[in-house]
């Protein structure tokens, strides 16, 4: 099913660089790519040189654009990636998580965790059993906002243009995944061996949204045209819809907060005992690029939209 609106980009760097002239946007896009290579040991002076930016002005200009220094930016992105791997891949050791996140050792990773978040790895993995406790910790690693105490991802998400739409019956061929994670989702998706024209469908019961992550079951698969081929059918009805581009757990979570905020300010109630539909438009890039996702949540009451 085609999306009904253009995607809102929740990637903070894209939002911040949009105000720059084309030449400077291109230079800072290159700088961000170099800094995001967490295995690289390039100094900021070398990065400035490769991006045709004066090393004398680079630090100040970077801070003006991104609200933090290059060093803090790289440290935050590295820890953000490490926390995602730590929580989503419980079987990995601290050393393996550190290596995949660009840390020189498990000790340097442990120090960064304690310094920035106040927890050790074992404590964070235990908190993953209660997402209400974990979410405010994760969001500390969001992009700093110049205008609010929240992270920039949350600020941008408040501008998502939600729409109430009516959609027909939809049929899906799905397989269960428990517990869900981006890494296991990618493996399951690849097992379908579909062509590139298919979008990934993620279904989760609204009853499970408040359950601990490791108690949740996600249904993953694709849409089919014939009911006889379907393992799951979602009924026709009114749905609250948006389409977004996200590149981190933090930007993904900000979408959910924006959904709740919109519902409370527009007299909208969600249908109980239904499914949340996530349609990922670029599933073959799940681990290598930002995700383009359409969300659909069934609603039962509208007064002023």
C-alpha atoms as a PDB file:
ATOM      1  CA  UNK A   1       0.000   0.000   0.000  1.00  0.00           C
ATOM      2  CA  UNK A   2       1.495   3.349  -1.011  1.00  0.00           C
ATOM      3  CA  UNK A   3       2.057   5.994   1.607  1.00  0.00           C
ATOM      4  CA  UNK A   4      -0.292   8.967   1.536  1.00  0.00           C
ATOM      5  CA  UNK A   5       2.203  11.635   2.461  1.00  0.00           C
ATOM      6  CA  UNK A   6       5.832  12.536   2.119  1.00  0.00           C
ATOM      7  CA  UNK A   7       8.117  11.249   4.852  1.00  0.00           C
ATOM      8  CA  UNK A   8       9.168  13.564   7.676  1.00  0.00           C
ATOM      9  CA  UNK A   9      12.921  13.243   8.162  1.00  0.00           C
ATOM     10  CA  UNK A  10      13.736  12.849  11.868  1.00  0.00           C
ATOM     11  CA  UNK A  11      17.501  12.655  11.361  1.00  0.00           C
ATOM     12  CA  UNK A  12      18.839  15.620  13.376  1.00  0.00           C
ATOM     13  CA  UNK A  13      21.862  16.221  11.163  1.00  0.00           C
ATOM     14  CA  UNK A  14      19.682  16.549   8.059  1.00  0.00           C
ATOM     15  CA  UNK A  15      17.398  18.991   9.867  1.00  0.00           C
ATOM     16  CA  UNK A  16      20.306  21.139  11.075  1.00  0.00           C
ATOM     17  CA  UNK A  17      22.155  21.226   7.747  1.00  0.00           C
ATOM     18  CA  UNK A  18      19.028  22.194   5.805  1.00  0.00           C
ATOM     19  CA  UNK A  19      19.582  25.849   6.731  1.00  0.00           C
ATOM     20  CA  UNK A  20      23.089  25.917   5.215  1.00  0.00           C
ATOM     21  CA  UNK A  21      23.988  27.017   1.712  1.00  0.00           C
ATOM     22  CA  UNK A  22      24.553  24.134  -0.769  1.00  0.00           C
ATOM     23  CA  UNK A  23      28.352  24.438  -0.598  1.00  0.00           C
ATOM     24  CA  UNK A  24      28.520  24.399   3.199  1.00  0.00           C
ATOM     25  CA  UNK A  25      25.878  21.680   3.431  1.00  0.00           C
ATOM     26  CA  UNK A  26      27.996  19.472   1.193  1.00  0.00           C
ATOM     27  CA  UNK A  27      31.108  20.133   3.285  1.00  0.00           C
ATOM     28  CA  UNK A  28      29.418  19.328   6.577  1.00  0.00           C
ATOM     29  CA  UNK A  29      27.679  16.271   5.118  1.00  0.00           C
ATOM     30  CA  UNK A  30      31.138  14.952   4.289  1.00  0.00           C
ATOM     31  CA  UNK A  31      32.403  15.852   7.765  1.00  0.00           C
ATOM     32  CA  UNK A  32      29.521  13.987   9.420  1.00  0.00           C
ATOM     33  CA  UNK A  33      30.183  10.885   7.314  1.00  0.00           C
ATOM     34  CA  UNK A  34      33.851  10.923   8.311  1.00  0.00           C
ATOM     35  CA  UNK A  35      33.056  11.379  12.004  1.00  0.00           C
ATOM     36  CA  UNK A  36      30.414   8.626  11.915  1.00  0.00           C
ATOM     37  CA  UNK A  37      33.082   6.158  10.799  1.00  0.00           C
ATOM     38  CA  UNK A  38      33.658   4.991  14.358  1.00  0.00           C
ATOM     39  CA  UNK A  39      36.643   2.834  13.400  1.00  0.00           C
ATOM     40  CA  UNK A  40      38.487   5.816  11.944  1.00  0.00           C
ATOM     41  CA  UNK A  41      41.118   7.638  13.974  1.00  0.00           C
ATOM     42  CA  UNK A  42      41.106  10.793  11.850  1.00  0.00           C
ATOM     43  CA  UNK A  43      41.713  13.938  13.880  1.00  0.00           C
ATOM     44  CA  UNK A  44      39.306  16.841  13.540  1.00  0.00           C
ATOM     45  CA  UNK A  45      42.098  18.754  11.794  1.00  0.00           C
ATOM     46  CA  UNK A  46      42.329  16.040   9.117  1.00  0.00           C
ATOM     47  CA  UNK A  47      38.540  15.956   8.788  1.00  0.00           C
ATOM     48  CA  UNK A  48      38.439  19.722   8.333  1.00  0.00           C
ATOM     49  CA  UNK A  49      41.161  19.500   5.700  1.00  0.00           C
ATOM     50  CA  UNK A  50      39.361  16.753   3.741  1.00  0.00           C
ATOM     51  CA  UNK A  51      36.139  18.799   3.811  1.00  0.00           C
ATOM     52  CA  UNK A  52      37.774  22.023   2.629  1.00  0.00           C
ATOM     53  CA  UNK A  53      37.020  23.778   5.918  1.00  0.00           C
ATOM     54  CA  UNK A  54      39.548  25.951   7.705  1.00  0.00           C
ATOM     55  CA  UNK A  55      40.866  24.047  10.728  1.00  0.00           C
ATOM     56  CA  UNK A  56      41.017  27.390  12.551  1.00  0.00           C
ATOM     57  CA  UNK A  57      37.246  27.828  12.246  1.00  0.00           C
ATOM     58  CA  UNK A  58      36.088  24.181  12.084  1.00  0.00           C
ATOM     59  CA  UNK A  59      35.392  23.566  15.787  1.00  0.00           C
ATOM     60  CA  UNK A  60      33.395  26.760  16.226  1.00  0.00           C
ATOM     61  CA  UNK A  61      31.467  26.274  12.983  1.00  0.00           C
ATOM     62  CA  UNK A  62      30.648  22.659  13.814  1.00  0.00           C
ATOM     63  CA  UNK A  63      29.355  23.681  17.248  1.00  0.00           C
ATOM     64  CA  UNK A  64      27.225  26.441  15.711  1.00  0.00           C
ATOM     65  CA  UNK A  65      25.610  24.004  13.284  1.00  0.00           C
ATOM     66  CA  UNK A  66      25.222  20.902  15.466  1.00  0.00           C
ATOM     67  CA  UNK A  67      25.033  22.311  19.035  1.00  0.00           C
ATOM     68  CA  UNK A  68      28.025  20.210  20.173  1.00  0.00           C
ATOM     69  CA  UNK A  69      31.703  19.746  19.402  1.00  0.00           C
ATOM     70  CA  UNK A  70      32.941  17.096  16.934  1.00  0.00           C
ATOM     71  CA  UNK A  71      34.464  15.150  19.825  1.00  0.00           C
ATOM     72  CA  UNK A  72      31.243  15.079  21.826  1.00  0.00           C
ATOM     73  CA  UNK A  73      29.271  14.215  18.709  1.00  0.00           C
ATOM     74  CA  UNK A  74      31.433  11.186  17.929  1.00  0.00           C
ATOM     75  CA  UNK A  75      31.435   9.994  21.552  1.00  0.00           C
ATOM     76  CA  UNK A  76      27.631  10.280  21.733  1.00  0.00           C
ATOM     77  CA  UNK A  77      27.071   8.457  18.427  1.00  0.00           C
ATOM     78  CA  UNK A  78      29.473   5.687  19.476  1.00  0.00           C
ATOM     79  CA  UNK A  79      27.728   5.196  22.818  1.00  0.00           C
ATOM     80  CA  UNK A  80      24.325   5.352  21.129  1.00  0.00           C
ATOM     81  CA  UNK A  81      25.325   2.508  18.818  1.00  0.00           C
ATOM     82  CA  UNK A  82      26.851   0.513  21.673  1.00  0.00           C
ATOM     83  CA  UNK A  83      23.717   0.765  23.826  1.00  0.00           C
ATOM     84  CA  UNK A  84      21.548  -0.398  20.916  1.00  0.00           C
ATOM     85  CA  UNK A  85      23.767  -3.453  20.363  1.00  0.00           C
ATOM     86  CA  UNK A  86      23.998  -4.124  24.110  1.00  0.00           C
ATOM     87  CA  UNK A  87      20.220  -4.254  24.507  1.00  0.00           C
ATOM     88  CA  UNK A  88      19.282  -5.860  21.193  1.00  0.00           C
ATOM     89  CA  UNK A  89      21.933  -8.591  21.265  1.00  0.00           C
ATOM     90  CA  UNK A  90      21.926  -9.970  24.786  1.00  0.00           C
ATOM     91  CA  UNK A  91      24.176 -12.890  23.796  1.00  0.00           C
ATOM     92  CA  UNK A  92      27.155 -10.635  23.034  1.00  0.00           C
ATOM     93  CA  UNK A  93      29.885 -10.045  25.593  1.00  0.00           C
ATOM     94  CA  UNK A  94      31.012  -6.580  26.640  1.00  0.00           C
ATOM     95  CA  UNK A  95      34.163  -7.039  24.566  1.00  0.00           C
ATOM     96  CA  UNK A  96      32.132  -7.888  21.451  1.00  0.00           C
ATOM     97  CA  UNK A  97      29.795  -4.920  21.959  1.00  0.00           C
ATOM     98  CA  UNK A  98      32.778  -2.602  22.454  1.00  0.00           C
ATOM     99  CA  UNK A  99      34.496  -3.903  19.313  1.00  0.00           C
ATOM    100  CA  UNK A 100      31.374  -3.486  17.139  1.00  0.00           C
ATOM    101  CA  UNK A 101      30.940   0.084  18.428  1.00  0.00           C
ATOM    102  CA  UNK A 102      34.464   1.299  17.810  1.00  0.00           C
ATOM    103  CA  UNK A 103      35.737   1.277  21.405  1.00  0.00           C
ATOM    104  CA  UNK A 104      39.342   0.309  21.963  1.00  0.00           C
ATOM    105  CA  UNK A 105      38.403  -2.048  24.816  1.00  0.00           C
ATOM    106  CA  UNK A 106      35.532  -3.205  27.029  1.00  0.00           C
ATOM    107  CA  UNK A 107      37.014  -1.061  29.798  1.00  0.00           C
ATOM    108  CA  UNK A 108      36.726   2.144  27.764  1.00  0.00           C
ATOM    109  CA  UNK A 109      33.140   1.211  26.882  1.00  0.00           C
ATOM    110  CA  UNK A 110      32.313   0.552  30.544  1.00  0.00           C
ATOM    111  CA  UNK A 111      33.768   3.916  31.568  1.00  0.00           C
ATOM    112  CA  UNK A 112      31.732   5.743  28.913  1.00  0.00           C
ATOM    113  CA  UNK A 113      28.526   4.011  30.057  1.00  0.00           C
ATOM    114  CA  UNK A 114      29.070   4.922  33.679  1.00  0.00           C
ATOM    115  CA  UNK A 115      30.186   8.484  32.937  1.00  0.00           C
ATOM    116  CA  UNK A 116      27.399   9.398  30.499  1.00  0.00           C
ATOM    117  CA  UNK A 117      24.458   7.322  31.737  1.00  0.00           C
ATOM    118  CA  UNK A 118      25.345   6.329  35.303  1.00  0.00           C
ATOM    119  CA  UNK A 119      24.837   2.604  34.702  1.00  0.00           C
ATOM    120  CA  UNK A 120      26.931  -0.439  33.889  1.00  0.00           C
ATOM    121  CA  UNK A 121      26.138  -2.918  31.107  1.00  0.00           C
ATOM    122  CA  UNK A 122      24.494  -5.486  33.387  1.00  0.00           C
ATOM    123  CA  UNK A 123      22.188  -2.844  34.859  1.00  0.00           C
ATOM    124  CA  UNK A 124      21.139  -1.587  31.408  1.00  0.00           C
ATOM    125  CA  UNK A 125      20.332  -5.076  30.205  1.00  0.00           C
ATOM    126  CA  UNK A 126      18.212  -5.624  33.293  1.00  0.00           C
ATOM    127  CA  UNK A 127      16.398  -2.321  32.685  1.00  0.00           C
ATOM    128  CA  UNK A 128      15.511  -3.570  29.198  1.00  0.00           C
ATOM    129  CA  UNK A 129      12.899  -5.707  30.972  1.00  0.00           C
ATOM    130  CA  UNK A 130      11.050  -2.485  31.835  1.00  0.00           C
ATOM    131  CA  UNK A 131      11.005  -0.083  28.913  1.00  0.00           C
ATOM    132  CA  UNK A 132       9.451   2.734  30.949  1.00  0.00           C
ATOM    133  CA  UNK A 133      12.694   2.854  32.929  1.00  0.00           C
ATOM    134  CA  UNK A 134      14.944   2.320  29.929  1.00  0.00           C
ATOM    135  CA  UNK A 135      13.476   4.958  27.596  1.00  0.00           C
ATOM    136  CA  UNK A 136      14.523   8.081  29.554  1.00  0.00           C
ATOM    137  CA  UNK A 137      18.043   6.682  29.792  1.00  0.00           C
ATOM    138  CA  UNK A 138      18.283   6.036  26.050  1.00  0.00           C
ATOM    139  CA  UNK A 139      16.900   9.456  25.162  1.00  0.00           C
ATOM    140  CA  UNK A 140      19.789  11.096  27.027  1.00  0.00           C
ATOM    141  CA  UNK A 141      21.882  10.112  24.002  1.00  0.00           C
ATOM    142  CA  UNK A 142      19.696  12.095  21.615  1.00  0.00           C
ATOM    143  CA  UNK A 143      21.004  15.078  19.676  1.00  0.00           C
ATOM    144  CA  UNK A 144      21.159  18.158  21.927  1.00  0.00           C
ATOM    145  CA  UNK A 145      18.535  20.788  21.171  1.00  0.00           C
ATOM    146  CA  UNK A 146      19.317  24.477  21.228  1.00  0.00           C
ATOM    147  CA  UNK A 147      15.742  25.492  22.043  1.00  0.00           C
ATOM    148  CA  UNK A 148      14.505  22.987  24.637  1.00  0.00           C
ATOM    149  CA  UNK A 149      15.546  20.539  27.347  1.00  0.00           C
ATOM    150  CA  UNK A 150      14.393  17.660  25.148  1.00  0.00           C
ATOM    151  CA  UNK A 151      16.565  16.113  22.463  1.00  0.00           C
ATOM    152  CA  UNK A 152      16.294  17.436  18.918  1.00  0.00           C
ATOM    153  CA  UNK A 153      14.623  14.227  17.701  1.00  0.00           C
ATOM    154  CA  UNK A 154      11.673  14.956  20.019  1.00  0.00           C
ATOM    155  CA  UNK A 155      11.480  18.573  18.850  1.00  0.00           C
ATOM    156  CA  UNK A 156      11.311  17.542  15.192  1.00  0.00           C
ATOM    157  CA  UNK A 157       8.788  14.762  15.877  1.00  0.00           C
ATOM    158  CA  UNK A 158       6.293  17.277  17.237  1.00  0.00           C
ATOM    159  CA  UNK A 159       6.070  18.670  13.684  1.00  0.00           C
ATOM    160  CA  UNK A 160       5.098  15.350  12.078  1.00  0.00           C
ATOM    161  CA  UNK A 161       2.000  15.946   9.884  1.00  0.00           C
ATOM    162  CA  UNK A 162      -0.281  13.153  11.135  1.00  0.00           C
ATOM    163  CA  UNK A 163      -3.338  12.268   9.059  1.00  0.00           C
ATOM    164  CA  UNK A 164      -6.528  10.382   9.820  1.00  0.00           C
ATOM    165  CA  UNK A 165      -7.176   8.075   6.882  1.00  0.00           C
ATOM    166  CA  UNK A 166      -9.537   5.267   5.982  1.00  0.00           C
ATOM    167  CA  UNK A 167      -7.830   2.119   4.762  1.00  0.00           C
ATOM    168  CA  UNK A 168      -9.325  -1.093   3.354  1.00  0.00           C
ATOM    169  CA  UNK A 169      -8.862  -4.618   4.628  1.00  0.00           C
ATOM    170  CA  UNK A 170      -5.198  -5.612   4.376  1.00  0.00           C
ATOM    171  CA  UNK A 171      -3.852  -9.179   4.217  1.00  0.00           C
ATOM    172  CA  UNK A 172      -0.376 -10.171   5.392  1.00  0.00           C
ATOM    173  CA  UNK A 173       1.864 -13.233   5.401  1.00  0.00           C
ATOM    174  CA  UNK A 174       3.737 -13.004   8.711  1.00  0.00           C
ATOM    175  CA  UNK A 175       6.035 -14.936  11.023  1.00  0.00           C
ATOM    176  CA  UNK A 176       6.421 -14.338  14.788  1.00  0.00           C
ATOM    177  CA  UNK A 177       9.624 -12.948  16.258  1.00  0.00           C
ATOM    178  CA  UNK A 178      10.243 -12.886  20.005  1.00  0.00           C
ATOM    179  CA  UNK A 179      11.959 -10.993  21.422  1.00  0.00           C
ATOM    180  CA  UNK A 180      12.133  -8.431  18.601  1.00  0.00           C
ATOM    181  CA  UNK A 181      15.259  -6.494  17.651  1.00  0.00           C
ATOM    182  CA  UNK A 182      16.524  -4.784  14.531  1.00  0.00           C
ATOM    183  CA  UNK A 183      19.167  -7.501  14.056  1.00  0.00           C
ATOM    184  CA  UNK A 184      16.804 -10.474  14.354  1.00  0.00           C
ATOM    185  CA  UNK A 185      14.222  -8.630  12.228  1.00  0.00           C
ATOM    186  CA  UNK A 186      16.801  -8.268   9.464  1.00  0.00           C
ATOM    187  CA  UNK A 187      17.637 -11.981   9.576  1.00  0.00           C
ATOM    188  CA  UNK A 188      13.972 -13.002   9.476  1.00  0.00           C
ATOM    189  CA  UNK A 189      13.227 -10.625   6.611  1.00  0.00           C
ATOM    190  CA  UNK A 190      16.084 -11.997   4.521  1.00  0.00           C
ATOM    191  CA  UNK A 191      14.772 -15.536   5.080  1.00  0.00           C
ATOM    192  CA  UNK A 192      11.660 -14.676   3.010  1.00  0.00           C
ATOM    193  CA  UNK A 193      13.894 -14.185  -0.064  1.00  0.00           C
ATOM    194  CA  UNK A 194      11.539 -11.663  -1.663  1.00  0.00           C
ATOM    195  CA  UNK A 195      12.209  -9.280  -4.516  1.00  0.00           C
ATOM    196  CA  UNK A 196      13.070  -5.652  -3.808  1.00  0.00           C
ATOM    197  CA  UNK A 197       9.555  -4.426  -4.555  1.00  0.00           C
ATOM    198  CA  UNK A 198       8.129  -5.755  -1.279  1.00  0.00           C
ATOM    199  CA  UNK A 199       7.827  -3.604   1.837  1.00  0.00           C
ATOM    200  CA  UNK A 200       8.375  -5.143   5.243  1.00  0.00           C
ATOM    201  CA  UNK A 201       5.289  -5.279   7.456  1.00  0.00           C
ATOM    202  CA  UNK A 202       5.663  -5.275  11.244  1.00  0.00           C
ATOM    203  CA  UNK A 203       2.571  -5.962  13.338  1.00  0.00           C
ATOM    204  CA  UNK A 204       2.351  -5.720  17.102  1.00  0.00           C
ATOM    205  CA  UNK A 205      -0.682  -6.053  19.297  1.00  0.00           C
ATOM    206  CA  UNK A 206      -1.551  -2.811  21.102  1.00  0.00           C
ATOM    207  CA  UNK A 207      -1.847  -4.917  24.273  1.00  0.00           C
ATOM    208  CA  UNK A 208       1.864  -5.739  24.096  1.00  0.00           C
ATOM    209  CA  UNK A 209       3.159  -2.189  23.672  1.00  0.00           C
ATOM    210  CA  UNK A 210       3.528  -1.727  27.431  1.00  0.00           C
ATOM    211  CA  UNK A 211       5.055  -5.161  27.957  1.00  0.00           C
ATOM    212  CA  UNK A 212       8.804  -5.582  28.603  1.00  0.00           C
ATOM    213  CA  UNK A 213      10.746  -5.770  25.346  1.00  0.00           C
ATOM    214  CA  UNK A 214      11.773  -9.373  25.902  1.00  0.00           C
ATOM    215  CA  UNK A 215       8.157 -10.414  26.463  1.00  0.00           C
ATOM    216  CA  UNK A 216       6.925  -8.889  23.210  1.00  0.00           C
ATOM    217  CA  UNK A 217       6.180 -10.749  19.989  1.00  0.00           C
ATOM    218  CA  UNK A 218       6.499  -8.944  16.687  1.00  0.00           C
ATOM    219  CA  UNK A 219       4.872 -10.333  13.531  1.00  0.00           C
ATOM    220  CA  UNK A 220       7.089  -9.720  10.496  1.00  0.00           C
ATOM    221  CA  UNK A 221       6.388 -10.317   6.840  1.00  0.00           C
ATOM    222  CA  UNK A 222       4.810  -8.802   3.751  1.00  0.00           C
ATOM    223  CA  UNK A 223       1.439  -7.895   2.239  1.00  0.00           C
ATOM    224  CA  UNK A 224      -0.452 -10.315  -0.015  1.00  0.00           C
ATOM    225  CA  UNK A 225      -3.407  -9.656  -2.332  1.00  0.00           C
ATOM    226  CA  UNK A 226      -5.376 -12.801  -1.605  1.00  0.00           C
ATOM    227  CA  UNK A 227      -6.915 -13.589   1.783  1.00  0.00           C
ATOM    228  CA  UNK A 228      -6.236 -17.288   1.217  1.00  0.00           C
ATOM    229  CA  UNK A 229      -2.484 -16.553   1.254  1.00  0.00           C
ATOM    230  CA  UNK A 230      -2.638 -14.510   4.462  1.00  0.00           C
ATOM    231  CA  UNK A 231      -1.755 -15.540   7.982  1.00  0.00           C
ATOM    232  CA  UNK A 232      -3.088 -12.270   9.414  1.00  0.00           C
ATOM    233  CA  UNK A 233      -5.757  -9.782   8.306  1.00  0.00           C
ATOM    234  CA  UNK A 234      -6.211  -6.213   9.531  1.00  0.00           C
ATOM    235  CA  UNK A 235      -9.740  -4.906   9.201  1.00  0.00           C
ATOM    236  CA  UNK A 236     -10.800  -1.803   7.322  1.00  0.00           C
ATOM    237  CA  UNK A 237     -11.256   1.331   9.370  1.00  0.00           C
ATOM    238  CA  UNK A 238      -9.950   4.725  10.395  1.00  0.00           C
ATOM    239  CA  UNK A 239      -6.264   4.926  11.177  1.00  0.00           C
ATOM    240  CA  UNK A 240      -3.935   7.627  12.432  1.00  0.00           C
ATOM    241  CA  UNK A 241      -1.038   7.636   9.990  1.00  0.00           C
ATOM    242  CA  UNK A 242       2.376   9.182   9.479  1.00  0.00           C
ATOM    243  CA  UNK A 243       5.479   8.446   7.431  1.00  0.00           C
ATOM    244  CA  UNK A 244       8.931   9.169   8.839  1.00  0.00           C
ATOM    245  CA  UNK A 245      12.632   8.562   8.263  1.00  0.00           C
ATOM    246  CA  UNK A 246      14.481   7.437  11.400  1.00  0.00           C
ATOM    247  CA  UNK A 247      18.084   6.428  11.961  1.00  0.00           C
ATOM    248  CA  UNK A 248      18.204   5.533  15.644  1.00  0.00           C
ATOM    249  CA  UNK A 249      16.258   4.072  18.533  1.00  0.00           C
ATOM    250  CA  UNK A 250      15.884   7.624  19.831  1.00  0.00           C
ATOM    251  CA  UNK A 251      14.233   9.017  16.699  1.00  0.00           C
ATOM    252  CA  UNK A 252      11.990   5.926  16.557  1.00  0.00           C
ATOM    253  CA  UNK A 253      10.845   6.448  20.162  1.00  0.00           C
ATOM    254  CA  UNK A 254      10.159  10.121  19.470  1.00  0.00           C
ATOM    255  CA  UNK A 255       7.556   9.048  16.891  1.00  0.00           C
ATOM    256  CA  UNK A 256       5.602   7.176  19.552  1.00  0.00           C
ATOM    257  CA  UNK A 257       5.649  10.152  21.906  1.00  0.00           C
ATOM    258  CA  UNK A 258       4.444  12.337  19.032  1.00  0.00           C
ATOM    259  CA  UNK A 259       1.578   9.895  18.337  1.00  0.00           C
ATOM    260  CA  UNK A 260       0.424  10.152  21.954  1.00  0.00           C
ATOM    261  CA  UNK A 261       0.793  13.919  22.018  1.00  0.00           C
ATOM    262  CA  UNK A 262      -1.232  14.293  18.810  1.00  0.00           C
ATOM    263  CA  UNK A 263      -4.003  12.013  20.056  1.00  0.00           C
ATOM    264  CA  UNK A 264      -4.364  13.992  23.297  1.00  0.00           C
ATOM    265  CA  UNK A 265      -4.518  17.355  21.519  1.00  0.00           C
ATOM    266  CA  UNK A 266      -6.996  16.187  18.830  1.00  0.00           C
ATOM    267  CA  UNK A 267      -9.481  14.117  20.868  1.00  0.00           C
ATOM    268  CA  UNK A 268      -8.402  10.832  19.291  1.00  0.00           C
ATOM    269  CA  UNK A 269      -8.599   7.441  20.989  1.00  0.00           C
ATOM    270  CA  UNK A 270      -6.860   4.286  19.830  1.00  0.00           C
ATOM    271  CA  UNK A 271      -8.805   1.060  19.341  1.00  0.00           C
ATOM    272  CA  UNK A 272      -8.063  -1.502  22.044  1.00  0.00           C
ATOM    273  CA  UNK A 273      -7.104  -5.077  21.171  1.00  0.00           C
ATOM    274  CA  UNK A 274      -5.950  -4.130  17.661  1.00  0.00           C
ATOM    275  CA  UNK A 275      -2.611  -3.996  15.868  1.00  0.00           C
ATOM    276  CA  UNK A 276      -0.062  -1.283  15.183  1.00  0.00           C
ATOM    277  CA  UNK A 277       1.075  -1.548  11.563  1.00  0.00           C
ATOM    278  CA  UNK A 278       4.588  -0.481  10.599  1.00  0.00           C
ATOM    279  CA  UNK A 279       5.413  -0.574   6.903  1.00  0.00           C
ATOM    280  CA  UNK A 280       9.122  -0.268   6.144  1.00  0.00           C
ATOM    281  CA  UNK A 281       9.702   0.952   2.596  1.00  0.00           C
ATOM    282  CA  UNK A 282      13.425   0.104   2.408  1.00  0.00           C
ATOM    283  CA  UNK A 283      13.714  -3.202   4.319  1.00  0.00           C
ATOM    284  CA  UNK A 284      16.796  -4.394   2.444  1.00  0.00           C
ATOM    285  CA  UNK A 285      18.758  -1.535   4.040  1.00  0.00           C
ATOM    286  CA  UNK A 286      17.576  -2.168   7.581  1.00  0.00           C
ATOM    287  CA  UNK A 287      21.094  -2.284   9.047  1.00  0.00           C
ATOM    288  CA  UNK A 288      22.867   0.017   6.601  1.00  0.00           C
ATOM    289  CA  UNK A 289      20.665   3.101   6.147  1.00  0.00           C
ATOM    290  CA  UNK A 290      17.968   5.157   7.814  1.00  0.00           C
ATOM    291  CA  UNK A 291      14.552   3.475   7.789  1.00  0.00           C
ATOM    292  CA  UNK A 292      11.618   4.913   5.844  1.00  0.00           C
ATOM    293  CA  UNK A 293       8.550   3.821   7.864  1.00  0.00           C
ATOM    294  CA  UNK A 294       4.799   4.348   7.584  1.00  0.00           C
ATOM    295  CA  UNK A 295       2.869   3.919  10.836  1.00  0.00           C
ATOM    296  CA  UNK A 296      -0.844   3.082  11.082  1.00  0.00           C
ATOM    297  CA  UNK A 297      -2.766   2.932  14.370  1.00  0.00           C
ATOM    298  CA  UNK A 298      -6.508   2.221  14.349  1.00  0.00           C
ATOM    299  CA  UNK A 299      -8.601   4.883  16.066  1.00  0.00           C
ATOM    300  CA  UNK A 300     -12.101   4.707  17.495  1.00  0.00           C
ATOM    301  CA  UNK A 301     -13.174   8.281  18.193  1.00  0.00           C
ATOM    302  CA  UNK A 302     -12.612  11.604  16.461  1.00  0.00           C
ATOM    303  CA  UNK A 303     -14.057  14.905  17.595  1.00  0.00           C
ATOM    304  CA  UNK A 304     -11.821  17.684  16.314  1.00  0.00           C
ATOM    305  CA  UNK A 305      -9.170  16.744  13.768  1.00  0.00           C
END
